[in-house]
Amino acid sequence: MDLLSWLAAHDGVAHTSDLYRAGFSKHVIAIVERRGDVARVRRSWILSPEAAPPCVHAARFGGRVTCVTQAKALGLWVPESIEVHLSVGPKSSGTDEPACGCTGRKGPHRSARVRSQIR
């Protein structure tokens, strides 16, 4: 599977550590990035042009979509909200917004509700 197909199967967003685990080298990532097929936000986050706006927003904060935002992406009913719920690691420079009580995939992390016009 090529990098763009892999990204498409993963919401169009990936941390470089996930790409390395999937077998993509720094060289392959650099080639695809140089061609303009993907964009890098922050140091280690790679985005395809098809990435959903909440996923792009989360990557910019160095986090992952969680809570109500993820439930909506999965097609579940959620109350209307203009906030993007995401989980960021303890060392992220992301945000100091109030916590929403979510946890990260590797255990509890500082979580944030970030006010945004993303729907």
PDB file of N, CA and C in Angstrom:
ATOM      1  N   MET A   1       0.854  -1.170   0.000  1.00  0.00           N
ATOM      2  CA  MET A   1       0.000   0.000   0.000  1.00  0.00           C
ATOM      3  C   MET A   1       0.902   1.236   0.000  1.00  0.00           C
ATOM      4  N   ASP A   2       0.578   2.206  -0.829  1.00  0.00           N
ATOM      5  CA  ASP A   2       1.376   3.425  -0.861  1.00  0.00           C
ATOM      6  C   ASP A   2       0.934   4.378   0.257  1.00  0.00           C
ATOM      7  N   LEU A   3       1.739   5.408   0.479  1.00  0.00           N
ATOM      8  CA  LEU A   3       1.508   6.328   1.584  1.00  0.00           C
ATOM      9  C   LEU A   3       0.161   7.036   1.483  1.00  0.00           C
ATOM     10  N   LEU A   4      -0.207   7.491   0.295  1.00  0.00           N
ATOM     11  CA  LEU A   4      -1.477   8.210   0.146  1.00  0.00           C
ATOM     12  C   LEU A   4      -2.671   7.301   0.411  1.00  0.00           C
ATOM     13  N   SER A   5      -2.605   6.065  -0.022  1.00  0.00           N
ATOM     14  CA  SER A   5      -3.686   5.109   0.257  1.00  0.00           C
ATOM     15  C   SER A   5      -3.771   4.832   1.756  1.00  0.00           C
ATOM     16  N   TRP A   6      -2.613   4.695   2.388  1.00  0.00           N
ATOM     17  CA  TRP A   6      -2.589   4.434   3.825  1.00  0.00           C
ATOM     18  C   TRP A   6      -3.209   5.614   4.573  1.00  0.00           C
ATOM     19  N   LEU A   7      -2.821   6.836   4.179  1.00  0.00           N
ATOM     20  CA  LEU A   7      -3.401   8.019   4.820  1.00  0.00           C
ATOM     21  C   LEU A   7      -4.910   8.077   4.621  1.00  0.00           C
ATOM     22  N   ALA A   8      -5.370   7.777   3.413  1.00  0.00           N
ATOM     23  CA  ALA A   8      -6.810   7.802   3.128  1.00  0.00           C
ATOM     24  C   ALA A   8      -7.563   6.839   4.040  1.00  0.00           C
ATOM     25  N   ALA A   9      -6.953   5.708   4.347  1.00  0.00           N
ATOM     26  CA  ALA A   9      -7.587   4.716   5.220  1.00  0.00           C
ATOM     27  C   ALA A   9      -7.520   5.115   6.693  1.00  0.00           C
ATOM     28  N   HIS A  10      -6.781   6.174   7.001  1.00  0.00           N
ATOM     29  CA  HIS A  10      -6.610   6.628   8.386  1.00  0.00           C
ATOM     30  C   HIS A  10      -7.026   8.091   8.548  1.00  0.00           C
ATOM     31  N   ASP A  11      -8.137   8.452   7.946  1.00  0.00           N
ATOM     32  CA  ASP A  11      -8.728   9.787   8.075  1.00  0.00           C
ATOM     33  C   ASP A  11      -7.871  10.910   7.498  1.00  0.00           C
ATOM     34  N   GLY A  12      -6.842  10.565   6.703  1.00  0.00           N
ATOM     35  CA  GLY A  12      -6.030  11.578   6.047  1.00  0.00           C
ATOM     36  C   GLY A  12      -5.017  12.258   6.937  1.00  0.00           C
ATOM     37  N   VAL A  13      -4.825  11.726   8.139  1.00  0.00           N
ATOM     38  CA  VAL A  13      -3.916  12.351   9.097  1.00  0.00           C
ATOM     39  C   VAL A  13      -3.108  11.279   9.806  1.00  0.00           C
ATOM     40  N   ALA A  14      -1.817  11.530  10.014  1.00  0.00           N
ATOM     41  CA  ALA A  14      -1.002  10.555  10.736  1.00  0.00           C
ATOM     42  C   ALA A  14       0.190  11.234  11.390  1.00  0.00           C
ATOM     43  N   HIS A  15       0.546  10.725  12.535  1.00  0.00           N
ATOM     44  CA  HIS A  15       1.789  11.118  13.181  1.00  0.00           C
ATOM     45  C   HIS A  15       2.897  10.325  12.488  1.00  0.00           C
ATOM     46  N   THR A  16       4.061  10.917  12.336  1.00  0.00           N
ATOM     47  CA  THR A  16       5.134  10.211  11.630  1.00  0.00           C
ATOM     48  C   THR A  16       5.500   8.892  12.317  1.00  0.00           C
ATOM     49  N   SER A  17       5.368   8.806  13.631  1.00  0.00           N
ATOM     50  CA  SER A  17       5.673   7.537  14.302  1.00  0.00           C
ATOM     51  C   SER A  17       4.730   6.426  13.836  1.00  0.00           C
ATOM     52  N   ASP A  18       3.468   6.768  13.549  1.00  0.00           N
ATOM     53  CA  ASP A  18       2.523   5.783  13.015  1.00  0.00           C
ATOM     54  C   ASP A  18       2.928   5.374  11.594  1.00  0.00           C
ATOM     55  N   LEU A  19       3.404   6.332  10.815  1.00  0.00           N
ATOM     56  CA  LEU A  19       3.849   6.019   9.450  1.00  0.00           C
ATOM     57  C   LEU A  19       5.079   5.118   9.471  1.00  0.00           C
ATOM     58  N   TYR A  20       6.016   5.380  10.378  1.00  0.00           N
ATOM     59  CA  TYR A  20       7.201   4.522  10.482  1.00  0.00           C
ATOM     60  C   TYR A  20       6.804   3.106  10.866  1.00  0.00           C
ATOM     61  N   ARG A  21       5.876   2.985  11.830  1.00  0.00           N
ATOM     62  CA  ARG A  21       5.411   1.646  12.236  1.00  0.00           C
ATOM     63  C   ARG A  21       4.719   0.918  11.091  1.00  0.00           C
ATOM     64  N   ALA A  22       4.100   1.686  10.189  1.00  0.00           N
ATOM     65  CA  ALA A  22       3.418   1.082   9.040  1.00  0.00           C
ATOM     66  C   ALA A  22       4.402   0.725   7.926  1.00  0.00           C
ATOM     67  N   GLY A  23       5.684   1.055   8.107  1.00  0.00           N
ATOM     68  CA  GLY A  23       6.701   0.661   7.137  1.00  0.00           C
ATOM     69  C   GLY A  23       7.162   1.754   6.191  1.00  0.00           C
ATOM     70  N   PHE A  24       6.718   2.983   6.393  1.00  0.00           N
ATOM     71  CA  PHE A  24       7.143   4.084   5.523  1.00  0.00           C
ATOM     72  C   PHE A  24       8.396   4.732   6.103  1.00  0.00           C
ATOM     73  N   SER A  25       9.380   4.961   5.253  1.00  0.00           N
ATOM     74  CA  SER A  25      10.642   5.559   5.698  1.00  0.00           C
ATOM     75  C   SER A  25      10.562   7.078   5.655  1.00  0.00           C
ATOM     76  N   LYS A  26      11.528   7.715   6.309  1.00  0.00           N
ATOM     77  CA  LYS A  26      11.621   9.177   6.253  1.00  0.00           C
ATOM     78  C   LYS A  26      11.780   9.634   4.808  1.00  0.00           C
ATOM     79  N   HIS A  27      12.521   8.851   4.029  1.00  0.00           N
ATOM     80  CA  HIS A  27      12.764   9.188   2.621  1.00  0.00           C
ATOM     81  C   HIS A  27      11.459   9.197   1.824  1.00  0.00           C
ATOM     82  N   VAL A  28      10.645   8.174   1.983  1.00  0.00           N
ATOM     83  CA  VAL A  28       9.365   8.096   1.265  1.00  0.00           C
ATOM     84  C   VAL A  28       8.460   9.260   1.663  1.00  0.00           C
ATOM     85  N   ILE A  29       8.390   9.547   2.959  1.00  0.00           N
ATOM     86  CA  ILE A  29       7.562  10.661   3.440  1.00  0.00           C
ATOM     87  C   ILE A  29       8.053  11.976   2.834  1.00  0.00           C
ATOM     88  N   ALA A  30       9.373  12.176   2.794  1.00  0.00           N
ATOM     89  CA  ALA A  30       9.943  13.414   2.243  1.00  0.00           C
ATOM     90  C   ALA A  30       9.619  13.554   0.758  1.00  0.00           C
ATOM     91  N   ILE A  31       9.669  12.468   0.010  1.00  0.00           N
ATOM     92  CA  ILE A  31       9.365  12.510  -1.428  1.00  0.00           C
ATOM     93  C   ILE A  31       7.916  12.927  -1.646  1.00  0.00           C
ATOM     94  N   VAL A  32       7.000  12.284  -0.923  1.00  0.00           N
ATOM     95  CA  VAL A  32       5.572  12.594  -1.076  1.00  0.00           C
ATOM     96  C   VAL A  32       5.292  14.036  -0.639  1.00  0.00           C
ATOM     97  N   GLU A  33       5.978  14.476   0.402  1.00  0.00           N
ATOM     98  CA  GLU A  33       5.812  15.855   0.873  1.00  0.00           C
ATOM     99  C   GLU A  33       6.354  16.849  -0.159  1.00  0.00           C
ATOM    100  N   ARG A  34       7.533  16.565  -0.735  1.00  0.00           N
ATOM    101  CA  ARG A  34       8.122  17.450  -1.751  1.00  0.00           C
ATOM    102  C   ARG A  34       7.246  17.578  -2.989  1.00  0.00           C
ATOM    103  N   ARG A  35       6.577  16.482  -3.364  1.00  0.00           N
ATOM    104  CA  ARG A  35       5.663  16.510  -4.517  1.00  0.00           C
ATOM    105  C   ARG A  35       4.422  17.342  -4.228  1.00  0.00           C
ATOM    106  N   GLY A  36       4.170  17.632  -2.964  1.00  0.00           N
ATOM    107  CA  GLY A  36       2.993  18.411  -2.597  1.00  0.00           C
ATOM    108  C   GLY A  36       1.748  17.565  -2.399  1.00  0.00           C
ATOM    109  N   ASP A  37       1.917  16.238  -2.324  1.00  0.00           N
ATOM    110  CA  ASP A  37       0.771  15.345  -2.126  1.00  0.00           C
ATOM    111  C   ASP A  37       0.281  15.330  -0.693  1.00  0.00           C
ATOM    112  N   VAL A  38       1.139  15.727   0.237  1.00  0.00           N
ATOM    113  CA  VAL A  38       0.774  15.816   1.650  1.00  0.00           C
ATOM    114  C   VAL A  38       1.345  17.111   2.212  1.00  0.00           C
ATOM    115  N   ALA A  39       0.820  17.510   3.343  1.00  0.00           N
ATOM    116  CA  ALA A  39       1.336  18.692   4.034  1.00  0.00           C
ATOM    117  C   ALA A  39       1.778  18.278   5.426  1.00  0.00           C
ATOM    118  N   ARG A  40       2.741  18.980   5.935  1.00  0.00           N
ATOM    119  CA  ARG A  40       3.204  18.731   7.302  1.00  0.00           C
ATOM    120  C   ARG A  40       2.733  19.893   8.167  1.00  0.00           C
ATOM    121  N   VAL A  41       2.006  19.573   9.218  1.00  0.00           N
ATOM    122  CA  VAL A  41       1.660  20.584  10.211  1.00  0.00           C
ATOM    123  C   VAL A  41       2.353  20.154  11.489  1.00  0.00           C
ATOM    124  N   ARG A  42       2.923  21.090  12.145  1.00  0.00           N
ATOM    125  CA  ARG A  42       3.773  20.778  13.288  1.00  0.00           C
ATOM    126  C   ARG A  42       4.929  19.916  12.816  1.00  0.00           C
ATOM    127  N   ARG A  43       5.723  19.461  13.711  1.00  0.00           N
ATOM    128  CA  ARG A  43       6.929  18.736  13.325  1.00  0.00           C
ATOM    129  C   ARG A  43       6.640  17.331  12.823  1.00  0.00           C
ATOM    130  N   SER A  44       5.690  16.659  13.404  1.00  0.00           N
ATOM    131  CA  SER A  44       5.530  15.232  13.128  1.00  0.00           C
ATOM    132  C   SER A  44       4.165  14.818  12.610  1.00  0.00           C
ATOM    133  N   TRP A  45       3.345  15.744  12.171  1.00  0.00           N
ATOM    134  CA  TRP A  45       2.003  15.404  11.700  1.00  0.00           C
ATOM    135  C   TRP A  45       1.908  15.617  10.191  1.00  0.00           C
ATOM    136  N   ILE A  46       1.449  14.583   9.487  1.00  0.00           N
ATOM    137  CA  ILE A  46       1.319  14.596   8.031  1.00  0.00           C
ATOM    138  C   ILE A  46      -0.171  14.547   7.683  1.00  0.00           C
ATOM    139  N   LEU A  47      -0.596  15.406   6.747  1.00  0.00           N
ATOM    140  CA  LEU A  47      -2.001  15.489   6.342  1.00  0.00           C
ATOM    141  C   LEU A  47      -2.143  15.301   4.839  1.00  0.00           C
ATOM    142  N   SER A  48      -3.177  14.590   4.449  1.00  0.00           N
ATOM    143  CA  SER A  48      -3.535  14.537   3.031  1.00  0.00           C
ATOM    144  C   SER A  48      -4.528  15.662   2.768  1.00  0.00           C
ATOM    145  N   PRO A  49      -4.697  16.059   1.508  1.00  0.00           N
ATOM    146  CA  PRO A  49      -5.666  17.118   1.206  1.00  0.00           C
ATOM    147  C   PRO A  49      -7.100  16.738   1.581  1.00  0.00           C
ATOM    148  N   GLU A  50      -7.390  15.449   1.701  1.00  0.00           N
ATOM    149  CA  GLU A  50      -8.747  14.983   2.010  1.00  0.00           C
ATOM    150  C   GLU A  50      -9.022  14.886   3.508  1.00  0.00           C
ATOM    151  N   ALA A  51      -8.076  15.247   4.334  1.00  0.00           N
ATOM    152  CA  ALA A  51      -8.256  15.129   5.784  1.00  0.00           C
ATOM    153  C   ALA A  51      -9.441  15.974   6.241  1.00  0.00           C
ATOM    154  N   ALA A  52     -10.251  15.406   7.131  1.00  0.00           N
ATOM    155  CA  ALA A  52     -11.423  16.108   7.667  1.00  0.00           C
ATOM    156  C   ALA A  52     -10.977  17.299   8.515  1.00  0.00           C
ATOM    157  N   PRO A  53     -11.703  18.415   8.444  1.00  0.00           N
ATOM    158  CA  PRO A  53     -11.316  19.604   9.214  1.00  0.00           C
ATOM    159  C   PRO A  53     -11.070  19.359  10.709  1.00  0.00           C
ATOM    160  N   PRO A  54     -11.889  18.564  11.426  1.00  0.00           N
ATOM    161  CA  PRO A  54     -11.570  18.339  12.842  1.00  0.00           C
ATOM    162  C   PRO A  54     -10.231  17.614  13.036  1.00  0.00           C
ATOM    163  N   CYS A  55      -9.894  16.708  12.121  1.00  0.00           N
ATOM    164  CA  CYS A  55      -8.611  15.993  12.222  1.00  0.00           C
ATOM    165  C   CYS A  55      -7.443  16.941  11.971  1.00  0.00           C
ATOM    166  N   VAL A  56      -7.617  17.852  11.020  1.00  0.00           N
ATOM    167  CA  VAL A  56      -6.589  18.862  10.737  1.00  0.00           C
ATOM    168  C   VAL A  56      -6.398  19.748  11.968  1.00  0.00           C
ATOM    169  N   HIS A  57      -7.506  20.153  12.557  1.00  0.00           N
ATOM    170  CA  HIS A  57      -7.474  21.002  13.754  1.00  0.00           C
ATOM    171  C   HIS A  57      -6.723  20.290  14.883  1.00  0.00           C
ATOM    172  N   ALA A  58      -7.031  19.027  15.099  1.00  0.00           N
ATOM    173  CA  ALA A  58      -6.373  18.256  16.158  1.00  0.00           C
ATOM    174  C   ALA A  58      -4.874  18.141  15.897  1.00  0.00           C
ATOM    175  N   ALA A  59      -4.498  17.875  14.657  1.00  0.00           N
ATOM    176  CA  ALA A  59      -3.081  17.746  14.312  1.00  0.00           C
ATOM    177  C   ALA A  59      -2.333  19.052  14.567  1.00  0.00           C
ATOM    178  N   ARG A  60      -2.979  20.160  14.302  1.00  0.00           N
ATOM    179  CA  ARG A  60      -2.333  21.458  14.544  1.00  0.00           C
ATOM    180  C   ARG A  60      -2.039  21.679  16.028  1.00  0.00           C
ATOM    181  N   PHE A  61      -2.833  21.048  16.888  1.00  0.00           N
ATOM    182  CA  PHE A  61      -2.591  21.124  18.330  1.00  0.00           C
ATOM    183  C   PHE A  61      -1.724  19.968  18.821  1.00  0.00           C
ATOM    184  N   GLY A  62      -1.345  19.069  17.915  1.00  0.00           N
ATOM    185  CA  GLY A  62      -0.539  17.918  18.307  1.00  0.00           C
ATOM    186  C   GLY A  62      -1.348  16.867  19.035  1.00  0.00           C
ATOM    187  N   GLY A  63      -2.635  16.761  18.706  1.00  0.00           N
ATOM    188  CA  GLY A  63      -3.500  15.811  19.400  1.00  0.00           C
ATOM    189  C   GLY A  63      -4.312  14.952  18.461  1.00  0.00           C
ATOM    190  N   ARG A  64      -5.299  14.295  19.027  1.00  0.00           N
ATOM    191  CA  ARG A  64      -6.194  13.425  18.274  1.00  0.00           C
ATOM    192  C   ARG A  64      -7.637  13.768  18.624  1.00  0.00           C
ATOM    193  N   VAL A  65      -8.517  13.563  17.663  1.00  0.00           N
ATOM    194  CA  VAL A  65      -9.940  13.819  17.865  1.00  0.00           C
ATOM    195  C   VAL A  65     -10.499  12.795  18.855  1.00  0.00           C
ATOM    196  N   THR A  66     -11.318  13.270  19.801  1.00  0.00           N
ATOM    197  CA  THR A  66     -11.924  12.384  20.803  1.00  0.00           C
ATOM    198  C   THR A  66     -13.366  12.808  21.041  1.00  0.00           C
ATOM    199  N   CYS A  67     -13.972  12.172  22.012  1.00  0.00           N
ATOM    200  CA  CYS A  67     -15.266  12.565  22.559  1.00  0.00           C
ATOM    201  C   CYS A  67     -16.355  12.710  21.500  1.00  0.00           C
ATOM    202  N   VAL A  68     -17.088  13.798  21.630  1.00  0.00           N
ATOM    203  CA  VAL A  68     -18.236  14.072  20.775  1.00  0.00           C
ATOM    204  C   VAL A  68     -17.805  14.238  19.322  1.00  0.00           C
ATOM    205  N   THR A  69     -16.655  14.850  19.097  1.00  0.00           N
ATOM    206  CA  THR A  69     -16.171  15.049  17.729  1.00  0.00           C
ATOM    207  C   THR A  69     -15.932  13.708  17.047  1.00  0.00           C
ATOM    208  N   GLN A  70     -15.320  12.762  17.741  1.00  0.00           N
ATOM    209  CA  GLN A  70     -15.075  11.439  17.166  1.00  0.00           C
ATOM    210  C   GLN A  70     -16.386  10.683  16.987  1.00  0.00           C
ATOM    211  N   ALA A  71     -17.287  10.809  17.935  1.00  0.00           N
ATOM    212  CA  ALA A  71     -18.595  10.141  17.813  1.00  0.00           C
ATOM    213  C   ALA A  71     -19.324  10.621  16.563  1.00  0.00           C
ATOM    214  N   LYS A  72     -19.281  11.915  16.297  1.00  0.00           N
ATOM    215  CA  LYS A  72     -19.914  12.471  15.102  1.00  0.00           C
ATOM    216  C   LYS A  72     -19.263  11.911  13.834  1.00  0.00           C
ATOM    217  N   ALA A  73     -17.924  11.812  13.835  1.00  0.00           N
ATOM    218  CA  ALA A  73     -17.202  11.263  12.684  1.00  0.00           C
ATOM    219  C   ALA A  73     -17.582   9.802  12.428  1.00  0.00           C
ATOM    220  N   LEU A  74     -17.955   9.097  13.482  1.00  0.00           N
ATOM    221  CA  LEU A  74     -18.365   7.692  13.350  1.00  0.00           C
ATOM    222  C   LEU A  74     -19.831   7.543  12.955  1.00  0.00           C
ATOM    223  N   GLY A  75     -20.525   8.681  12.805  1.00  0.00           N
ATOM    224  CA  GLY A  75     -21.919   8.647  12.375  1.00  0.00           C
ATOM    225  C   GLY A  75     -22.922   8.539  13.509  1.00  0.00           C
ATOM    226  N   LEU A  76     -22.462   8.685  14.739  1.00  0.00           N
ATOM    227  CA  LEU A  76     -23.364   8.629  15.883  1.00  0.00           C
ATOM    228  C   LEU A  76     -24.041   9.983  16.069  1.00  0.00           C
ATOM    229  N   TRP A  77     -25.225   9.965  16.664  1.00  0.00           N
ATOM    230  CA  TRP A  77     -25.906  11.223  16.941  1.00  0.00           C
ATOM    231  C   TRP A  77     -25.183  11.910  18.085  1.00  0.00           C
ATOM    232  N   VAL A  78     -24.966  13.195  17.920  1.00  0.00           N
ATOM    233  CA  VAL A  78     -24.387  14.007  18.984  1.00  0.00           C
ATOM    234  C   VAL A  78     -25.097  15.352  18.988  1.00  0.00           C
ATOM    235  N   PRO A  79     -25.147  16.016  20.132  1.00  0.00           N
ATOM    236  CA  PRO A  79     -25.746  17.352  20.145  1.00  0.00           C
ATOM    237  C   PRO A  79     -24.901  18.295  19.282  1.00  0.00           C
ATOM    238  N   GLU A  80     -25.560  19.270  18.691  1.00  0.00           N
ATOM    239  CA  GLU A  80     -24.856  20.242  17.853  1.00  0.00           C
ATOM    240  C   GLU A  80     -23.830  20.993  18.701  1.00  0.00           C
ATOM    241  N   SER A  81     -22.632  21.146  18.186  1.00  0.00           N
ATOM    242  CA  SER A  81     -21.571  21.804  18.936  1.00  0.00           C
ATOM    243  C   SER A  81     -20.618  22.490  17.974  1.00  0.00           C
ATOM    244  N   ILE A  82     -20.052  23.605  18.405  1.00  0.00           N
ATOM    245  CA  ILE A  82     -19.032  24.257  17.598  1.00  0.00           C
ATOM    246  C   ILE A  82     -17.649  23.965  18.150  1.00  0.00           C
ATOM    247  N   GLU A  83     -17.569  23.132  19.176  1.00  0.00           N
ATOM    248  CA  GLU A  83     -16.289  22.796  19.776  1.00  0.00           C
ATOM    249  C   GLU A  83     -15.727  21.527  19.160  1.00  0.00           C
ATOM    250  N   VAL A  84     -14.417  21.497  19.033  1.00  0.00           N
ATOM    251  CA  VAL A  84     -13.719  20.297  18.608  1.00  0.00           C
ATOM    252  C   VAL A  84     -13.108  19.682  19.854  1.00  0.00           C
ATOM    253  N   HIS A  85     -13.457  18.437  20.138  1.00  0.00           N
ATOM    254  CA  HIS A  85     -12.909  17.756  21.307  1.00  0.00           C
ATOM    255  C   HIS A  85     -11.680  16.979  20.862  1.00  0.00           C
ATOM    256  N   LEU A  86     -10.576  17.183  21.580  1.00  0.00           N
ATOM    257  CA  LEU A  86      -9.360  16.481  21.228  1.00  0.00           C
ATOM    258  C   LEU A  86      -8.556  16.157  22.466  1.00  0.00           C
ATOM    259  N   SER A  87      -7.679  15.206  22.311  1.00  0.00           N
ATOM    260  CA  SER A  87      -6.781  14.816  23.382  1.00  0.00           C
ATOM    261  C   SER A  87      -5.371  15.163  22.938  1.00  0.00           C
ATOM    262  N   VAL A  88      -4.645  15.837  23.803  1.00  0.00           N
ATOM    263  CA  VAL A  88      -3.264  16.192  23.502  1.00  0.00           C
ATOM    264  C   VAL A  88      -2.366  15.602  24.575  1.00  0.00           C
ATOM    265  N   GLY A  89      -1.162  15.273  24.198  1.00  0.00           N
ATOM    266  CA  GLY A  89      -0.209  14.701  25.137  1.00  0.00           C
ATOM    267  C   GLY A  89       0.226  15.709  26.180  1.00  0.00           C
ATOM    268  N   PRO A  90       0.790  15.242  27.270  1.00  0.00           N
ATOM    269  CA  PRO A  90       1.177  16.130  28.368  1.00  0.00           C
ATOM    270  C   PRO A  90       2.266  17.132  27.984  1.00  0.00           C
ATOM    271  N   LYS A  91       3.043  16.854  26.942  1.00  0.00           N
ATOM    272  CA  LYS A  91       4.119  17.760  26.538  1.00  0.00           C
ATOM    273  C   LYS A  91       3.732  18.625  25.346  1.00  0.00           C
ATOM    274  N   SER A  92       2.504  18.512  24.910  1.00  0.00           N
ATOM    275  CA  SER A  92       2.060  19.298  23.764  1.00  0.00           C
ATOM    276  C   SER A  92       1.991  20.770  24.123  1.00  0.00           C
ATOM    277  N   SER A  93       2.313  21.599  23.143  1.00  0.00           N
ATOM    278  CA  SER A  93       2.177  23.033  23.350  1.00  0.00           C
ATOM    279  C   SER A  93       0.794  23.482  22.920  1.00  0.00           C
ATOM    280  N   GLY A  94      -0.082  22.506  22.708  1.00  0.00           N
ATOM    281  CA  GLY A  94      -1.410  22.717  22.170  1.00  0.00           C
ATOM    282  C   GLY A  94      -2.237  23.849  22.714  1.00  0.00           C
ATOM    283  N   THR A  95      -2.896  23.643  23.839  1.00  0.00           N
ATOM    284  CA  THR A  95      -3.876  24.617  24.311  1.00  0.00           C
ATOM    285  C   THR A  95      -4.025  24.544  25.811  1.00  0.00           C
ATOM    286  N   ASP A  96      -4.503  25.608  26.386  1.00  0.00           N
ATOM    287  CA  ASP A  96      -4.796  25.634  27.826  1.00  0.00           C
ATOM    288  C   ASP A  96      -6.289  25.760  28.078  1.00  0.00           C
ATOM    289  N   GLU A  97      -7.092  25.418  27.085  1.00  0.00           N
ATOM    290  CA  GLU A  97      -8.545  25.484  27.228  1.00  0.00           C
ATOM    291  C   GLU A  97      -9.002  24.503  28.306  1.00  0.00           C
ATOM    292  N   PRO A  98     -10.226  24.679  28.858  1.00  0.00           N
ATOM    293  CA  PRO A  98     -10.715  23.784  29.917  1.00  0.00           C
ATOM    294  C   PRO A  98     -10.841  22.330  29.459  1.00  0.00           C
ATOM    295  N   ALA A  99     -10.637  21.430  30.370  1.00  0.00           N
ATOM    296  CA  ALA A  99     -10.687  19.999  30.050  1.00  0.00           C
ATOM    297  C   ALA A  99     -12.117  19.536  29.835  1.00  0.00           C
ATOM    298  N   CYS A 100     -12.273  18.481  29.004  1.00  0.00           N
ATOM    299  CA  CYS A 100     -13.601  17.905  28.801  1.00  0.00           C
ATOM    300  C   CYS A 100     -13.692  16.525  29.416  1.00  0.00           C
ATOM    301  N   GLY A 101     -12.642  16.039  30.050  1.00  0.00           N
ATOM    302  CA  GLY A 101     -12.692  14.764  30.742  1.00  0.00           C
ATOM    303  C   GLY A 101     -12.423  13.553  29.871  1.00  0.00           C
ATOM    304  N   CYS A 102     -11.865  13.737  28.706  1.00  0.00           N
ATOM    305  CA  CYS A 102     -11.537  12.610  27.830  1.00  0.00           C
ATOM    306  C   CYS A 102     -10.148  12.092  28.180  1.00  0.00           C
ATOM    307  N   THR A 103      -9.832  10.907  27.698  1.00  0.00           N
ATOM    308  CA  THR A 103      -8.488  10.376  27.899  1.00  0.00           C
ATOM    309  C   THR A 103      -7.871  10.073  26.547  1.00  0.00           C
ATOM    310  N   GLY A 104      -6.562  10.046  26.512  1.00  0.00           N
ATOM    311  CA  GLY A 104      -5.841   9.722  25.288  1.00  0.00           C
ATOM    312  C   GLY A 104      -5.751   8.230  25.094  1.00  0.00           C
ATOM    313  N   ARG A 105      -5.268   7.809  23.950  1.00  0.00           N
ATOM    314  CA  ARG A 105      -5.240   6.375  23.670  1.00  0.00           C
ATOM    315  C   ARG A 105      -4.168   5.651  24.452  1.00  0.00           C
ATOM    316  N   LYS A 106      -3.189   6.363  24.995  1.00  0.00           N
ATOM    317  CA  LYS A 106      -2.159   5.716  25.795  1.00  0.00           C
ATOM    318  C   LYS A 106      -2.323   6.074  27.272  1.00  0.00           C
ATOM    319  N   GLY A 107      -3.518   6.377  27.674  1.00  0.00           N
ATOM    320  CA  GLY A 107      -3.778   6.718  29.063  1.00  0.00           C
ATOM    321  C   GLY A 107      -4.262   8.145  29.188  1.00  0.00           C
ATOM    322  N   PRO A 108      -4.505   8.596  30.407  1.00  0.00           N
ATOM    323  CA  PRO A 108      -5.034   9.945  30.589  1.00  0.00           C
ATOM    324  C   PRO A 108      -4.068  11.007  30.081  1.00  0.00           C
ATOM    325  N   HIS A 109      -4.611  11.935  29.365  1.00  0.00           N
ATOM    326  CA  HIS A 109      -3.862  13.093  28.885  1.00  0.00           C
ATOM    327  C   HIS A 109      -4.670  14.325  29.198  1.00  0.00           C
ATOM    328  N   ARG A 110      -4.037  15.440  29.125  1.00  0.00           N
ATOM    329  CA  ARG A 110      -4.739  16.711  29.203  1.00  0.00           C
ATOM    330  C   ARG A 110      -5.632  16.777  27.974  1.00  0.00           C
ATOM    331  N   SER A 111      -6.908  16.945  28.159  1.00  0.00           N
ATOM    332  CA  SER A 111      -7.836  17.011  27.047  1.00  0.00           C
ATOM    333  C   SER A 111      -8.419  18.403  26.966  1.00  0.00           C
ATOM    334  N   ALA A 112      -8.816  18.786  25.790  1.00  0.00           N
ATOM    335  CA  ALA A 112      -9.312  20.155  25.638  1.00  0.00           C
ATOM    336  C   ALA A 112     -10.498  20.228  24.719  1.00  0.00           C
ATOM    337  N   ARG A 113     -11.367  21.154  25.033  1.00  0.00           N
ATOM    338  CA  ARG A 113     -12.430  21.525  24.109  1.00  0.00           C
ATOM    339  C   ARG A 113     -11.977  22.832  23.501  1.00  0.00           C
ATOM    340  N   VAL A 114     -11.762  22.822  22.217  1.00  0.00           N
ATOM    341  CA  VAL A 114     -11.252  24.004  21.550  1.00  0.00           C
ATOM    342  C   VAL A 114     -12.385  24.642  20.773  1.00  0.00           C
ATOM    343  N   ARG A 115     -12.706  25.867  21.092  1.00  0.00           N
ATOM    344  CA  ARG A 115     -13.771  26.570  20.367  1.00  0.00           C
ATOM    345  C   ARG A 115     -13.321  26.797  18.944  1.00  0.00           C
ATOM    346  N   SER A 116     -14.184  26.405  18.025  1.00  0.00           N
ATOM    347  CA  SER A 116     -13.867  26.538  16.606  1.00  0.00           C
ATOM    348  C   SER A 116     -15.149  26.568  15.814  1.00  0.00           C
ATOM    349  N   GLN A 117     -15.077  27.069  14.629  1.00  0.00           N
ATOM    350  CA  GLN A 117     -16.248  27.080  13.747  1.00  0.00           C
ATOM    351  C   GLN A 117     -16.294  25.819  12.894  1.00  0.00           C
ATOM    352  N   ILE A 118     -15.491  24.835  13.175  1.00  0.00           N
ATOM    353  CA  ILE A 118     -15.483  23.591  12.414  1.00  0.00           C
ATOM    354  C   ILE A 118     -16.721  22.794  12.760  1.00  0.00           C
ATOM    355  N   ARG A 119     -17.386  22.263  11.757  1.00  0.00           N
ATOM    356  CA  ARG A 119     -18.573  21.424  11.968  1.00  0.00           C
ATOM    357  C   ARG A 119     -18.370  20.110  11.284  1.00  0.00           C
TER     358      ARG A 119
END
